[in-house]
């Protein structure tokens, strides 16, 4: 399967660089998601970190501290929005010597997304889907509230899903979404829904939640610690 992975780091990350580069339980979110992508590709060069120019030095520095093969880093000039980062990654893939028909998009906001979720997304692409997203059923009680703070109703949770990363696309489908974006505020799934594209949903994972780092660092560290075997079990 001709698959590549993309991790976009738009200029907006520069305002909160800790979200990508601050270690959480000994490892920063960026190398965590890069390592997840490396587990999916045949060649490390197929993993592209498309980062705003102002972040490139930090990207190189944090990845150099990890025991992993070198990946491709693409510097994105100008406003370096999320759309620009994804577009730059696709342009690199078009120029590269290897061919790519499918791409996984990961995000540093979901540093604990499991390999199982990644593999289910890949399986969806392998089975012919052009857009694949992992999602988790919403179990919390969801209320509607008016402008005065008064609860006005309860939403039916049965049809609600929390969308996660990584997400899978055919290169042609993602390129088409980028070509028709109306602004730099780009959400590939929102555009897919608006374009009435068929989206395959696969099971997500409770650990694949979106973390607000560094605010949620202690919570993320607690989850990582709970995964480790007790000393007498190691």
Protein backbone atom coordinates (compact mmCIF):
# COMPACT_ATOMS: atom_id res chain seq x y z
CA UNK A 1 0.00 0.00 0.00
CA UNK A 2 1.47 3.36 -1.05
CA UNK A 3 1.02 5.28 2.20
CA UNK A 4 2.62 8.41 3.66
CA UNK A 5 2.06 10.24 6.92
CA UNK A 6 1.73 13.99 7.50
CA UNK A 7 1.98 15.95 10.74
CA UNK A 8 1.07 19.62 10.16
CA UNK A 9 2.55 22.26 12.48
CA UNK A 10 0.98 25.57 11.41
CA UNK A 11 2.10 29.01 12.56
CA UNK A 12 -0.63 28.94 15.22
CA UNK A 13 1.46 26.38 17.11
CA UNK A 14 4.22 28.99 17.52
CA UNK A 15 2.05 30.81 20.05
CA UNK A 16 2.00 27.70 22.22
CA UNK A 17 5.15 25.81 21.26
CA UNK A 18 4.90 23.80 24.47
CA UNK A 19 1.99 21.94 22.90
CA UNK A 20 4.42 20.28 20.48
CA UNK A 21 7.80 20.41 22.18
CA UNK A 22 7.33 20.27 25.97
CA UNK A 23 8.06 16.74 27.28
CA UNK A 24 5.09 14.91 28.75
CA UNK A 25 6.16 11.85 30.73
CA UNK A 26 9.61 12.19 29.19
CA UNK A 27 8.61 12.65 25.55
CA UNK A 28 7.12 15.60 23.67
CA UNK A 29 3.88 15.21 21.68
CA UNK A 30 5.58 15.74 18.32
CA UNK A 31 7.89 12.70 18.48
CA UNK A 32 5.02 10.64 19.88
CA UNK A 33 2.86 11.21 16.81
CA UNK A 34 5.85 10.95 14.45
CA UNK A 35 6.69 7.56 15.95
CA UNK A 36 3.08 6.47 15.39
CA UNK A 37 3.40 7.44 11.73
CA UNK A 38 6.71 5.59 11.38
CA UNK A 39 4.90 2.44 12.41
CA UNK A 40 2.66 2.76 9.36
CA UNK A 41 5.09 3.46 6.50
CA UNK A 42 7.75 1.48 4.66
CA UNK A 43 10.26 4.35 4.44
CA UNK A 44 10.90 7.00 7.15
CA UNK A 45 11.08 9.64 4.41
CA UNK A 46 7.37 9.06 3.86
CA UNK A 47 6.64 10.75 7.19
CA UNK A 48 6.46 14.50 6.59
CA UNK A 49 6.41 17.11 9.32
CA UNK A 50 5.14 20.20 7.49
CA UNK A 51 6.03 23.06 9.84
CA UNK A 52 5.94 26.84 9.77
CA UNK A 53 9.44 28.16 9.08
CA UNK A 54 9.70 29.64 12.57
CA UNK A 55 9.21 26.15 14.06
CA UNK A 56 11.60 24.16 11.89
CA UNK A 57 14.66 24.52 14.14
CA UNK A 58 12.62 23.36 17.14
CA UNK A 59 11.26 20.43 15.13
CA UNK A 60 14.75 19.30 14.17
CA UNK A 61 16.02 19.72 17.73
CA UNK A 62 13.26 17.75 19.43
CA UNK A 63 13.31 14.92 16.87
CA UNK A 64 17.11 14.69 17.06
CA UNK A 65 16.85 13.75 20.74
CA UNK A 66 14.81 10.64 19.90
CA UNK A 67 15.98 7.19 18.92
CA UNK A 68 14.16 7.10 15.60
CA UNK A 69 15.12 7.28 11.93
CA UNK A 70 15.13 10.74 10.31
CA UNK A 71 11.88 11.87 8.75
CA UNK A 72 11.18 14.56 6.17
CA UNK A 73 10.78 18.12 7.45
CA UNK A 74 9.17 20.62 5.08
CA UNK A 75 9.43 24.34 5.91
CA UNK A 76 6.24 26.25 5.12
CA UNK A 77 6.67 29.96 4.39
CA UNK A 78 4.24 32.84 4.73
CA UNK A 79 1.12 32.54 6.87
CA UNK A 80 1.75 28.77 7.21
CA UNK A 81 -1.84 27.90 8.07
CA UNK A 82 -2.95 24.32 8.50
CA UNK A 83 -4.10 24.32 4.88
CA UNK A 84 -0.71 25.61 3.72
CA UNK A 85 1.09 22.93 5.75
CA UNK A 86 -1.00 20.13 4.27
CA UNK A 87 -0.64 21.61 0.80
CA UNK A 88 3.15 21.82 1.18
CA UNK A 89 3.26 18.18 2.28
CA UNK A 90 1.27 17.08 -0.77
CA UNK A 91 3.55 19.13 -3.04
CA UNK A 92 6.56 17.39 -1.54
CA UNK A 93 4.96 13.99 -2.09
CA UNK A 94 4.31 14.85 -5.73
CA UNK A 95 8.01 15.74 -6.20
CA UNK A 96 9.37 12.76 -4.26
CA UNK A 97 10.76 9.73 -6.03
CA UNK A 98 8.26 7.40 -4.36
CA UNK A 99 4.60 7.35 -5.30
CA UNK A 100 1.87 7.88 -2.73
CA UNK A 101 -1.82 7.16 -3.16
CA UNK A 102 -2.89 7.44 0.48
CA UNK A 103 -1.99 9.74 3.33
CA UNK A 104 -2.53 9.69 7.07
CA UNK A 105 -2.90 13.04 8.85
CA UNK A 106 -1.99 13.07 12.53
CA UNK A 107 -2.15 15.90 15.05
CA UNK A 108 -0.06 16.78 18.10
CA UNK A 109 -3.27 17.41 20.05
CA UNK A 110 -3.85 13.64 20.16
CA UNK A 111 -0.50 12.32 21.39
CA UNK A 112 -1.89 9.10 22.89
CA UNK A 113 -3.82 7.85 19.86
CA UNK A 114 -3.16 4.11 19.77
CA UNK A 115 -1.57 2.01 17.05
CA UNK A 116 -4.85 0.12 16.87
CA UNK A 117 -6.72 3.25 15.79
CA UNK A 118 -4.05 3.99 13.18
CA UNK A 119 -4.26 0.46 11.82
CA UNK A 120 -8.06 0.58 11.59
CA UNK A 121 -7.83 3.78 9.55
CA UNK A 122 -5.27 2.16 7.24
CA UNK A 123 -7.52 -0.88 6.85
CA UNK A 124 -10.35 1.41 5.76
CA UNK A 125 -8.14 2.95 3.08
CA UNK A 126 -6.94 -0.47 1.99
CA UNK A 127 -10.58 -1.54 1.56
CA UNK A 128 -11.19 1.28 -0.91
CA UNK A 129 -12.41 4.21 1.18
CA UNK A 130 -11.28 7.69 0.15
CA UNK A 131 -11.86 9.31 3.56
CA UNK A 132 -11.52 7.44 6.87
CA UNK A 133 -11.90 8.89 10.36
CA UNK A 134 -11.77 7.30 13.80
CA UNK A 135 -14.58 8.27 16.14
CA UNK A 136 -15.76 7.44 19.61
CA UNK A 137 -19.34 7.34 20.86
CA UNK A 138 -20.29 10.28 23.10
CA UNK A 139 -21.24 9.00 26.54
CA UNK A 140 -21.64 12.28 28.44
CA UNK A 141 -25.04 13.87 28.83
CA UNK A 142 -25.16 16.77 26.33
CA UNK A 143 -27.41 19.75 27.12
CA UNK A 144 -28.49 22.74 25.09
CA UNK A 145 -28.24 26.06 26.94
CA UNK A 146 -29.71 29.45 25.96
CA UNK A 147 -28.03 32.86 26.14
CA UNK A 148 -29.12 33.25 29.76
CA UNK A 149 -27.46 30.00 30.87
CA UNK A 150 -30.71 28.10 31.18
CA UNK A 151 -30.77 24.44 30.16
CA UNK A 152 -33.29 24.07 27.34
CA UNK A 153 -32.98 20.44 26.42
CA UNK A 154 -30.97 17.23 26.16
CA UNK A 155 -29.46 16.06 22.90
CA UNK A 156 -29.86 12.47 21.75
CA UNK A 157 -26.34 11.01 22.09
CA UNK A 158 -27.01 7.95 19.95
CA UNK A 159 -25.95 9.70 16.73
CA UNK A 160 -23.10 11.76 18.24
CA UNK A 161 -19.44 10.87 17.79
CA UNK A 162 -16.20 12.49 18.92
CA UNK A 163 -13.81 12.59 15.95
CA UNK A 164 -10.16 11.68 16.50
CA UNK A 165 -6.80 11.35 14.73
CA UNK A 166 -5.11 10.04 12.65
CA UNK A 167 -7.38 10.47 9.64
CA UNK A 168 -6.91 8.82 6.27
CA UNK A 169 -7.40 10.16 2.74
CA UNK A 170 -6.54 9.32 -0.79
CA UNK A 171 -4.09 11.93 -2.03
CA UNK A 172 -6.45 12.94 -4.84
CA UNK A 173 -9.34 13.45 -2.42
CA UNK A 174 -7.31 15.55 0.01
CA UNK A 175 -5.84 17.62 -2.83
CA UNK A 176 -9.36 18.29 -4.07
CA UNK A 177 -10.49 19.47 -0.65
CA UNK A 178 -7.50 21.82 -0.40
CA UNK A 179 -8.13 23.22 -3.87
CA UNK A 180 -11.70 24.17 -2.95
CA UNK A 181 -11.06 25.63 0.51
CA UNK A 182 -12.70 29.02 1.02
CA UNK A 183 -10.20 30.27 3.63
CA UNK A 184 -7.12 29.25 5.60
CA UNK A 185 -9.41 28.01 8.39
CA UNK A 186 -9.23 24.49 7.04
CA UNK A 187 -10.88 21.40 8.47
CA UNK A 188 -10.57 18.50 6.07
CA UNK A 189 -13.51 16.61 7.57
CA UNK A 190 -15.81 19.63 7.56
CA UNK A 191 -15.05 20.09 3.86
CA UNK A 192 -15.57 16.37 3.22
CA UNK A 193 -18.98 16.57 4.86
CA UNK A 194 -19.85 19.73 2.91
CA UNK A 195 -18.78 18.05 -0.32
CA UNK A 196 -21.00 15.07 0.52
CA UNK A 197 -17.99 12.80 0.27
CA UNK A 198 -18.41 9.30 1.63
CA UNK A 199 -16.65 9.07 4.99
CA UNK A 200 -15.83 5.69 6.49
CA UNK A 201 -15.94 5.71 10.30
CA UNK A 202 -13.80 3.28 12.30
CA UNK A 203 -13.66 2.73 16.04
CA UNK A 204 -11.67 5.30 17.98
CA UNK A 205 -10.02 4.89 21.37
CA UNK A 206 -10.64 6.57 24.75
CA UNK A 207 -6.95 7.52 24.88
CA UNK A 208 -7.24 9.30 21.54
CA UNK A 209 -8.81 12.37 23.13
CA UNK A 210 -7.76 15.90 22.19
CA UNK A 211 -5.41 17.26 24.86
CA UNK A 212 -5.04 20.96 25.60
CA UNK A 213 -1.31 21.08 26.28
CA UNK A 214 0.45 22.07 28.42
CA UNK A 215 -2.72 22.54 30.53
CA UNK A 216 -3.59 18.83 30.36
CA UNK A 217 -0.01 17.60 30.85
CA UNK A 218 -0.63 16.10 34.30
CA UNK A 219 -3.71 14.27 33.06
CA UNK A 220 -1.84 12.86 30.05
CA UNK A 221 1.06 11.81 32.29
CA UNK A 222 -1.35 10.02 34.62
CA UNK A 223 -2.76 8.02 31.71
CA UNK A 224 0.73 7.08 30.53
CA UNK A 225 1.69 6.04 34.06
CA UNK A 226 -1.40 3.82 34.31
CA UNK A 227 -0.22 1.87 31.26
CA UNK A 228 3.12 0.94 32.82
CA UNK A 229 3.38 -2.41 34.60
CA UNK A 230 3.83 -2.33 38.36
CA UNK A 231 7.46 -2.88 39.46
CA UNK A 232 6.77 -6.47 40.54
CA UNK A 233 5.23 -7.19 37.11
CA UNK A 234 8.13 -5.93 34.98
